[in-house]
Amino acid sequence: MKARLFTIPGSHPGWTARLMLERKGIPYSRIDLVAVLSKPILRAAGFGGVTVPALRIDGRRVQGSRAIARELDRLVPEPPLFPADPEARAKVEEAEAWGDEILQDVARRLVWNRLSKDSGPIESYLQGARLGLPVALAARTAPPIAKLSARFNEADDVHVTADLASLPVMLDRIDAYIADGVMGGTEPNAADLQIATSLALLMTIDDVRPFIEKRPCGELARRLVPQFPGHTPAGFPPQWLEPLRAQAA
């Protein structure tokens, strides 16, 4: 079985795909692309969309972490990414979809908002990248990419302040999934791997990490994604973090 994964350094859904491939024991090669510039490359590689992760496996092209999860379960049923019980599977799929459609964008916007204003930390997100050029050189060309990525992802101050205000409810939701057994078991499922990588990305932000790391969801992310790259120093205005402080109090 031949697999090639197209991703972007620091991409949390890209990390989800990596973790799923590794859980299945599927050897794969990885092609790291530059954000924004990745779009025409994916088109040229024959993918129908312009987002990562994109996987070419046994001649088939599959795009998006949720589609990849189902294709991997079809190709390699054990260990499964979804429960066999229909009711349990429905709960995992609901959590997975929420993580993909809602939480993933919040994490992405928070990081791009900070990096668009201070591109210095970008190099930390490139550690271990396979870009075909030195990480330091890639980082020096990153500021315009960060600004474009922030614009494409609506990572403006209005969206980010709203994201930070809604984050306490989101963290409560993930902890509830864990308490209910939908996530957090000894054998990670698709929801675990979908959500844990977004939490890992959020915890690269110094402003946000203290409000996550000691919660059950933070412990889950550290267990499943211990090597996630990146570090963004504190920089959000203090008033933006008041909802998180209020919950912690």
C-alpha atoms as a PDB file:
ATOM      1  CA  MET A   1       0.000   0.000   0.000  1.00  0.00           C
ATOM      2  CA  LYS A   2       1.484   3.317  -1.108  1.00  0.00           C
ATOM      3  CA  ALA A   3       0.410   6.513   0.617  1.00  0.00           C
ATOM      4  CA  ARG A   4       1.506  10.106   0.120  1.00  0.00           C
ATOM      5  CA  LEU A   5       0.204  12.866   2.365  1.00  0.00           C
ATOM      6  CA  PHE A   6       0.116  16.503   1.266  1.00  0.00           C
ATOM      7  CA  THR A   7      -0.032  18.861   4.221  1.00  0.00           C
ATOM      8  CA  ILE A   8       1.197  22.191   5.618  1.00  0.00           C
ATOM      9  CA  PRO A   9       3.611  22.521   8.569  1.00  0.00           C
ATOM     10  CA  GLY A  10       1.636  23.190  11.729  1.00  0.00           C
ATOM     11  CA  SER A  11      -1.676  22.232  10.078  1.00  0.00           C
ATOM     12  CA  HIS A  12      -3.809  20.662  12.785  1.00  0.00           C
ATOM     13  CA  PRO A  13      -6.012  18.640  10.374  1.00  0.00           C
ATOM     14  CA  GLY A  14      -2.783  17.604   8.675  1.00  0.00           C
ATOM     15  CA  TRP A  15      -1.585  16.270  12.006  1.00  0.00           C
ATOM     16  CA  THR A  16      -4.910  14.462  12.398  1.00  0.00           C
ATOM     17  CA  ALA A  17      -4.260  12.636   9.130  1.00  0.00           C
ATOM     18  CA  ARG A  18      -0.710  11.811  10.204  1.00  0.00           C
ATOM     19  CA  LEU A  19      -1.916  10.353  13.498  1.00  0.00           C
ATOM     20  CA  MET A  20      -4.556   8.254  11.733  1.00  0.00           C
ATOM     21  CA  LEU A  21      -2.046   6.853   9.263  1.00  0.00           C
ATOM     22  CA  GLU A  22       0.331   6.015  12.091  1.00  0.00           C
ATOM     23  CA  ARG A  23      -2.435   4.415  14.132  1.00  0.00           C
ATOM     24  CA  LYS A  24      -3.285   2.207  11.166  1.00  0.00           C
ATOM     25  CA  GLY A  25       0.376   1.310  10.680  1.00  0.00           C
ATOM     26  CA  ILE A  26       0.336   2.587   7.104  1.00  0.00           C
ATOM     27  CA  PRO A  27       3.751   3.770   5.862  1.00  0.00           C
ATOM     28  CA  TYR A  28       3.518   7.071   4.030  1.00  0.00           C
ATOM     29  CA  SER A  29       5.615   9.792   2.509  1.00  0.00           C
ATOM     30  CA  ARG A  30       4.856  13.401   3.346  1.00  0.00           C
ATOM     31  CA  ILE A  31       4.973  16.495   1.171  1.00  0.00           C
ATOM     32  CA  ASP A  32       4.900  19.743   3.125  1.00  0.00           C
ATOM     33  CA  LEU A  33       3.528  22.748   1.287  1.00  0.00           C
ATOM     34  CA  VAL A  34       3.521  26.460   2.044  1.00  0.00           C
ATOM     35  CA  ALA A  35       0.188  27.927   3.145  1.00  0.00           C
ATOM     36  CA  VAL A  36      -1.665  29.774   0.372  1.00  0.00           C
ATOM     37  CA  LEU A  37       0.851  28.579  -2.256  1.00  0.00           C
ATOM     38  CA  SER A  38      -0.431  25.070  -1.553  1.00  0.00           C
ATOM     39  CA  LYS A  39      -3.699  25.710  -3.389  1.00  0.00           C
ATOM     40  CA  PRO A  40      -2.472  25.574  -7.017  1.00  0.00           C
ATOM     41  CA  ILE A  41      -0.112  22.715  -6.164  1.00  0.00           C
ATOM     42  CA  LEU A  42      -2.989  20.575  -4.879  1.00  0.00           C
ATOM     43  CA  ARG A  43      -4.952  21.310  -8.039  1.00  0.00           C
ATOM     44  CA  ALA A  44      -1.962  20.351 -10.148  1.00  0.00           C
ATOM     45  CA  ALA A  45      -1.653  17.116  -8.164  1.00  0.00           C
ATOM     46  CA  GLY A  46      -5.167  16.178  -9.237  1.00  0.00           C
ATOM     47  CA  PHE A  47      -7.135  16.934  -6.078  1.00  0.00           C
ATOM     48  CA  GLY A  48     -10.595  18.410  -6.423  1.00  0.00           C
ATOM     49  CA  GLY A  49     -10.184  20.912  -3.592  1.00  0.00           C
ATOM     50  CA  VAL A  50      -7.458  23.248  -2.367  1.00  0.00           C
ATOM     51  CA  THR A  51      -7.230  22.318   1.315  1.00  0.00           C
ATOM     52  CA  VAL A  52      -5.030  19.954   3.300  1.00  0.00           C
ATOM     53  CA  PRO A  53      -4.774  17.220   4.330  1.00  0.00           C
ATOM     54  CA  ALA A  54      -4.857  15.575   0.939  1.00  0.00           C
ATOM     55  CA  LEU A  55      -3.954  11.911   0.659  1.00  0.00           C
ATOM     56  CA  ARG A  56      -3.041   9.818  -2.342  1.00  0.00           C
ATOM     57  CA  ILE A  57      -3.303   6.172  -1.394  1.00  0.00           C
ATOM     58  CA  ASP A  58      -3.251   3.161  -3.693  1.00  0.00           C
ATOM     59  CA  GLY A  59      -4.017   5.411  -6.654  1.00  0.00           C
ATOM     60  CA  ARG A  60      -6.996   7.094  -5.013  1.00  0.00           C
ATOM     61  CA  ARG A  61      -7.155  10.745  -3.933  1.00  0.00           C
ATOM     62  CA  VAL A  62      -8.905  11.599  -0.679  1.00  0.00           C
ATOM     63  CA  GLN A  63      -9.132  15.098   0.758  1.00  0.00           C
ATOM     64  CA  GLY A  64     -10.104  16.279   4.239  1.00  0.00           C
ATOM     65  CA  SER A  65      -9.441  14.600   7.575  1.00  0.00           C
ATOM     66  CA  ARG A  66     -12.983  13.203   7.912  1.00  0.00           C
ATOM     67  CA  ALA A  67     -12.951  11.616   4.470  1.00  0.00           C
ATOM     68  CA  ILE A  68      -9.478  10.251   5.130  1.00  0.00           C
ATOM     69  CA  ALA A  69     -10.666   8.655   8.384  1.00  0.00           C
ATOM     70  CA  ARG A  70     -13.381   6.722   6.564  1.00  0.00           C
ATOM     71  CA  GLU A  71     -11.124   5.672   3.717  1.00  0.00           C
ATOM     72  CA  LEU A  72      -8.483   4.393   6.129  1.00  0.00           C
ATOM     73  CA  ASP A  73     -11.081   2.405   8.064  1.00  0.00           C
ATOM     74  CA  ARG A  74     -12.235   0.888   4.776  1.00  0.00           C
ATOM     75  CA  LEU A  75      -8.722  -0.054   3.711  1.00  0.00           C
ATOM     76  CA  VAL A  76      -7.401  -1.150   7.114  1.00  0.00           C
ATOM     77  CA  PRO A  77     -10.297  -2.001   9.458  1.00  0.00           C
ATOM     78  CA  GLU A  78      -8.109  -2.651  12.502  1.00  0.00           C
ATOM     79  CA  PRO A  79      -7.602  -0.796  14.727  1.00  0.00           C
ATOM     80  CA  PRO A  80     -10.873   1.025  14.016  1.00  0.00           C
ATOM     81  CA  LEU A  81     -11.326   4.785  14.108  1.00  0.00           C
ATOM     82  CA  PHE A  82     -15.061   4.432  14.780  1.00  0.00           C
ATOM     83  CA  PRO A  83     -16.991   2.214  17.208  1.00  0.00           C
ATOM     84  CA  ALA A  84     -18.871  -0.755  15.791  1.00  0.00           C
ATOM     85  CA  ASP A  85     -21.995   0.043  17.811  1.00  0.00           C
ATOM     86  CA  PRO A  86     -24.225   2.360  15.721  1.00  0.00           C
ATOM     87  CA  GLU A  87     -25.262   4.569  18.635  1.00  0.00           C
ATOM     88  CA  ALA A  88     -21.693   4.975  19.862  1.00  0.00           C
ATOM     89  CA  ARG A  89     -20.508   5.659  16.316  1.00  0.00           C
ATOM     90  CA  ALA A  90     -23.125   8.369  15.851  1.00  0.00           C
ATOM     91  CA  LYS A  91     -21.837  10.155  18.965  1.00  0.00           C
ATOM     92  CA  VAL A  92     -18.234   9.946  17.780  1.00  0.00           C
ATOM     93  CA  GLU A  93     -19.211  11.221  14.337  1.00  0.00           C
ATOM     94  CA  GLU A  94     -21.106  14.134  15.861  1.00  0.00           C
ATOM     95  CA  ALA A  95     -18.074  15.132  17.951  1.00  0.00           C
ATOM     96  CA  GLU A  96     -15.757  14.657  14.973  1.00  0.00           C
ATOM     97  CA  ALA A  97     -17.940  16.867  12.755  1.00  0.00           C
ATOM     98  CA  TRP A  98     -18.107  19.623  15.386  1.00  0.00           C
ATOM     99  CA  GLY A  99     -14.334  19.490  15.799  1.00  0.00           C
ATOM    100  CA  ASP A 100     -13.850  19.734  12.050  1.00  0.00           C
ATOM    101  CA  GLU A 101     -16.448  22.395  11.283  1.00  0.00           C
ATOM    102  CA  ILE A 102     -16.251  24.631  14.366  1.00  0.00           C
ATOM    103  CA  LEU A 103     -13.253  24.127  16.657  1.00  0.00           C
ATOM    104  CA  GLN A 104     -10.746  23.721  13.845  1.00  0.00           C
ATOM    105  CA  ASP A 105     -11.479  27.177  12.445  1.00  0.00           C
ATOM    106  CA  VAL A 106     -11.272  28.823  15.858  1.00  0.00           C
ATOM    107  CA  ALA A 107      -7.782  27.446  16.464  1.00  0.00           C
ATOM    108  CA  ARG A 108      -6.693  28.459  12.969  1.00  0.00           C
ATOM    109  CA  ARG A 109      -7.998  32.021  13.308  1.00  0.00           C
ATOM    110  CA  LEU A 110      -6.388  32.612  16.688  1.00  0.00           C
ATOM    111  CA  VAL A 111      -2.960  31.546  15.463  1.00  0.00           C
ATOM    112  CA  TRP A 112      -3.104  33.405  12.143  1.00  0.00           C
ATOM    113  CA  ASN A 113      -4.300  36.557  13.882  1.00  0.00           C
ATOM    114  CA  ARG A 114      -1.225  36.559  16.096  1.00  0.00           C
ATOM    115  CA  LEU A 115       1.198  35.561  13.329  1.00  0.00           C
ATOM    116  CA  SER A 116      -0.135  38.212  10.969  1.00  0.00           C
ATOM    117  CA  LYS A 117       0.864  40.850  13.532  1.00  0.00           C
ATOM    118  CA  ASP A 118       4.127  39.262  14.656  1.00  0.00           C
ATOM    119  CA  SER A 119       5.634  36.776  12.208  1.00  0.00           C
ATOM    120  CA  GLY A 120       8.614  36.033  14.449  1.00  0.00           C
ATOM    121  CA  PRO A 121       7.131  32.819  15.906  1.00  0.00           C
ATOM    122  CA  ILE A 122       6.479  31.325  12.460  1.00  0.00           C
ATOM    123  CA  GLU A 123       9.809  29.521  12.458  1.00  0.00           C
ATOM    124  CA  SER A 124       8.733  27.504  15.498  1.00  0.00           C
ATOM    125  CA  TYR A 125       5.767  26.111  13.544  1.00  0.00           C
ATOM    126  CA  LEU A 126       8.102  24.989  10.756  1.00  0.00           C
ATOM    127  CA  GLN A 127      10.227  22.709  12.922  1.00  0.00           C
ATOM    128  CA  GLY A 128      10.474  19.299  11.288  1.00  0.00           C
ATOM    129  CA  ALA A 129       9.011  20.583   8.035  1.00  0.00           C
ATOM    130  CA  ARG A 130      10.019  19.102   4.709  1.00  0.00           C
ATOM    131  CA  LEU A 131       9.907  22.170   2.506  1.00  0.00           C
ATOM    132  CA  GLY A 132      13.034  21.589   0.460  1.00  0.00           C
ATOM    133  CA  LEU A 133      14.770  24.661   1.912  1.00  0.00           C
ATOM    134  CA  PRO A 134      16.167  25.618   5.323  1.00  0.00           C
ATOM    135  CA  VAL A 135      13.560  26.419   7.953  1.00  0.00           C
ATOM    136  CA  ALA A 136      15.170  29.781   8.742  1.00  0.00           C
ATOM    137  CA  LEU A 137      14.991  30.796   5.077  1.00  0.00           C
ATOM    138  CA  ALA A 138      11.360  29.707   4.805  1.00  0.00           C
ATOM    139  CA  ALA A 139      10.527  31.718   7.923  1.00  0.00           C
ATOM    140  CA  ARG A 140      12.015  34.880   6.411  1.00  0.00           C
ATOM    141  CA  THR A 141       9.624  34.655   3.480  1.00  0.00           C
ATOM    142  CA  ALA A 142       6.609  34.000   5.716  1.00  0.00           C
ATOM    143  CA  PRO A 143       5.250  37.457   6.730  1.00  0.00           C
ATOM    144  CA  PRO A 144       3.220  38.046   3.547  1.00  0.00           C
ATOM    145  CA  ILE A 145       1.981  34.450   3.717  1.00  0.00           C
ATOM    146  CA  ALA A 146       0.798  35.044   7.297  1.00  0.00           C
ATOM    147  CA  LYS A 147      -1.105  38.171   6.301  1.00  0.00           C
ATOM    148  CA  LEU A 148      -2.743  36.440   3.338  1.00  0.00           C
ATOM    149  CA  SER A 149      -3.634  33.410   5.472  1.00  0.00           C
ATOM    150  CA  ALA A 150      -5.184  35.652   8.108  1.00  0.00           C
ATOM    151  CA  ARG A 151      -7.285  37.330   5.442  1.00  0.00           C
ATOM    152  CA  PHE A 152      -8.368  34.070   3.770  1.00  0.00           C
ATOM    153  CA  ASN A 153      -9.341  32.601   7.164  1.00  0.00           C
ATOM    154  CA  GLU A 154     -11.132  35.731   8.445  1.00  0.00           C
ATOM    155  CA  ALA A 155      -8.660  35.925  11.323  1.00  0.00           C
ATOM    156  CA  ASP A 156      -9.449  39.582  11.966  1.00  0.00           C
ATOM    157  CA  ASP A 157      -9.870  41.105  15.413  1.00  0.00           C
ATOM    158  CA  VAL A 158     -13.673  40.964  15.309  1.00  0.00           C
ATOM    159  CA  HIS A 159     -13.752  37.223  14.628  1.00  0.00           C
ATOM    160  CA  VAL A 160     -10.973  36.455  17.088  1.00  0.00           C
ATOM    161  CA  THR A 161     -12.543  38.339  19.989  1.00  0.00           C
ATOM    162  CA  ALA A 162     -15.756  36.398  19.323  1.00  0.00           C
ATOM    163  CA  ASP A 163     -13.780  33.146  19.175  1.00  0.00           C
ATOM    164  CA  LEU A 164     -12.115  33.822  22.512  1.00  0.00           C
ATOM    165  CA  ALA A 165     -15.485  34.663  24.057  1.00  0.00           C
ATOM    166  CA  SER A 166     -16.944  31.348  22.841  1.00  0.00           C
ATOM    167  CA  LEU A 167     -13.905  29.228  23.737  1.00  0.00           C
ATOM    168  CA  PRO A 168     -14.956  28.499  27.365  1.00  0.00           C
ATOM    169  CA  VAL A 169     -18.193  26.885  26.152  1.00  0.00           C
ATOM    170  CA  MET A 170     -16.243  24.896  23.571  1.00  0.00           C
ATOM    171  CA  LEU A 171     -13.822  23.576  26.177  1.00  0.00           C
ATOM    172  CA  ASP A 172     -16.743  22.581  28.404  1.00  0.00           C
ATOM    173  CA  ARG A 173     -18.225  20.705  25.466  1.00  0.00           C
ATOM    174  CA  ILE A 174     -15.019  18.727  24.875  1.00  0.00           C
ATOM    175  CA  ASP A 175     -14.696  17.895  28.561  1.00  0.00           C
ATOM    176  CA  ALA A 176     -18.309  16.659  28.461  1.00  0.00           C
ATOM    177  CA  TYR A 177     -17.460  14.409  25.513  1.00  0.00           C
ATOM    178  CA  ILE A 178     -14.629  12.968  27.590  1.00  0.00           C
ATOM    179  CA  ALA A 179     -16.795  12.541  30.696  1.00  0.00           C
ATOM    180  CA  ASP A 180     -19.458  10.767  28.634  1.00  0.00           C
ATOM    181  CA  GLY A 181     -16.931   8.361  27.097  1.00  0.00           C
ATOM    182  CA  VAL A 182     -17.337   9.674  23.563  1.00  0.00           C
ATOM    183  CA  MET A 183     -13.665  10.638  23.662  1.00  0.00           C
ATOM    184  CA  GLY A 184     -10.702   9.968  25.878  1.00  0.00           C
ATOM    185  CA  GLY A 185     -10.661   6.169  25.903  1.00  0.00           C
ATOM    186  CA  THR A 186      -7.515   4.073  25.899  1.00  0.00           C
ATOM    187  CA  GLU A 187      -7.891   3.569  22.136  1.00  0.00           C
ATOM    188  CA  PRO A 188      -8.244   6.922  20.331  1.00  0.00           C
ATOM    189  CA  ASN A 189     -11.072   7.278  17.849  1.00  0.00           C
ATOM    190  CA  ALA A 190     -11.678   9.701  14.978  1.00  0.00           C
ATOM    191  CA  ALA A 191     -13.146  12.362  17.296  1.00  0.00           C
ATOM    192  CA  ASP A 192     -10.128  12.162  19.604  1.00  0.00           C
ATOM    193  CA  LEU A 193      -7.716  12.669  16.743  1.00  0.00           C
ATOM    194  CA  GLN A 194      -9.818  15.391  15.127  1.00  0.00           C
ATOM    195  CA  ILE A 195     -10.206  17.486  18.267  1.00  0.00           C
ATOM    196  CA  ALA A 196      -6.897  16.845  20.034  1.00  0.00           C
ATOM    197  CA  THR A 197      -4.874  18.449  17.247  1.00  0.00           C
ATOM    198  CA  SER A 198      -6.924  21.670  17.404  1.00  0.00           C
ATOM    199  CA  LEU A 199      -6.376  21.758  21.162  1.00  0.00           C
ATOM    200  CA  ALA A 200      -2.661  21.178  20.624  1.00  0.00           C
ATOM    201  CA  LEU A 201      -2.540  24.127  18.222  1.00  0.00           C
ATOM    202  CA  LEU A 202      -4.440  26.325  20.680  1.00  0.00           C
ATOM    203  CA  MET A 203      -1.962  25.401  23.395  1.00  0.00           C
ATOM    204  CA  THR A 204       0.913  26.766  21.326  1.00  0.00           C
ATOM    205  CA  ILE A 205      -0.480  30.232  22.168  1.00  0.00           C
ATOM    206  CA  ASP A 206       0.801  31.443  25.531  1.00  0.00           C
ATOM    207  CA  ASP A 207      -2.323  33.550  26.069  1.00  0.00           C
ATOM    208  CA  VAL A 208      -4.591  30.519  25.761  1.00  0.00           C
ATOM    209  CA  ARG A 209      -2.607  27.520  27.000  1.00  0.00           C
ATOM    210  CA  PRO A 210      -3.098  28.113  30.774  1.00  0.00           C
ATOM    211  CA  PHE A 211      -6.863  27.890  30.323  1.00  0.00           C
ATOM    212  CA  ILE A 212      -6.657  24.498  28.586  1.00  0.00           C
ATOM    213  CA  GLU A 213      -3.660  22.518  29.753  1.00  0.00           C
ATOM    214  CA  LYS A 214      -4.969  21.365  33.159  1.00  0.00           C
ATOM    215  CA  ARG A 215      -8.441  20.454  31.926  1.00  0.00           C
ATOM    216  CA  PRO A 216      -9.301  16.908  30.808  1.00  0.00           C
ATOM    217  CA  CYS A 217      -9.240  18.103  27.198  1.00  0.00           C
ATOM    218  CA  GLY A 218      -5.768  19.563  27.658  1.00  0.00           C
ATOM    219  CA  GLU A 219      -4.500  16.326  29.154  1.00  0.00           C
ATOM    220  CA  LEU A 220      -5.981  14.450  26.182  1.00  0.00           C
ATOM    221  CA  ALA A 221      -4.187  16.715  23.705  1.00  0.00           C
ATOM    222  CA  ARG A 222      -0.858  16.312  25.477  1.00  0.00           C
ATOM    223  CA  ARG A 223      -1.258  12.533  25.473  1.00  0.00           C
ATOM    224  CA  LEU A 224      -2.220  12.197  21.812  1.00  0.00           C
ATOM    225  CA  VAL A 225      -0.196  15.021  20.226  1.00  0.00           C
ATOM    226  CA  PRO A 226       2.874  15.521  22.431  1.00  0.00           C
ATOM    227  CA  GLN A 227       5.136  16.739  19.620  1.00  0.00           C
ATOM    228  CA  PHE A 228       2.942  19.414  18.026  1.00  0.00           C
ATOM    229  CA  PRO A 229       5.247  22.257  16.887  1.00  0.00           C
ATOM    230  CA  GLY A 230       4.956  25.962  17.475  1.00  0.00           C
ATOM    231  CA  HIS A 231       5.030  28.621  20.163  1.00  0.00           C
ATOM    232  CA  THR A 232       3.360  32.027  20.063  1.00  0.00           C
ATOM    233  CA  PRO A 233       4.148  34.416  22.954  1.00  0.00           C
ATOM    234  CA  ALA A 234       1.363  36.299  24.693  1.00  0.00           C
ATOM    235  CA  GLY A 235       0.006  39.233  22.724  1.00  0.00           C
ATOM    236  CA  PHE A 236      -3.792  39.335  22.763  1.00  0.00           C
ATOM    237  CA  PRO A 237      -5.193  42.428  24.495  1.00  0.00           C
ATOM    238  CA  PRO A 238      -6.054  41.529  28.117  1.00  0.00           C
ATOM    239  CA  GLN A 239      -9.737  42.376  27.672  1.00  0.00           C
ATOM    240  CA  TRP A 240     -10.058  39.743  24.926  1.00  0.00           C
ATOM    241  CA  LEU A 241      -9.163  37.062  27.483  1.00  0.00           C
ATOM    242  CA  GLU A 242     -11.714  38.093  30.112  1.00  0.00           C
ATOM    243  CA  PRO A 243     -14.199  35.312  29.217  1.00  0.00           C
ATOM    244  CA  LEU A 244     -11.476  32.709  29.781  1.00  0.00           C
ATOM    245  CA  ARG A 245     -10.396  34.322  33.044  1.00  0.00           C
ATOM    246  CA  ALA A 246     -13.991  34.484  34.256  1.00  0.00           C
ATOM    247  CA  GLN A 247     -14.480  30.781  33.635  1.00  0.00           C
ATOM    248  CA  ALA A 248     -11.205  29.890  35.331  1.00  0.00           C
ATOM    249  CA  ALA A 249     -12.212  31.952  38.381  1.00  0.00           C
END
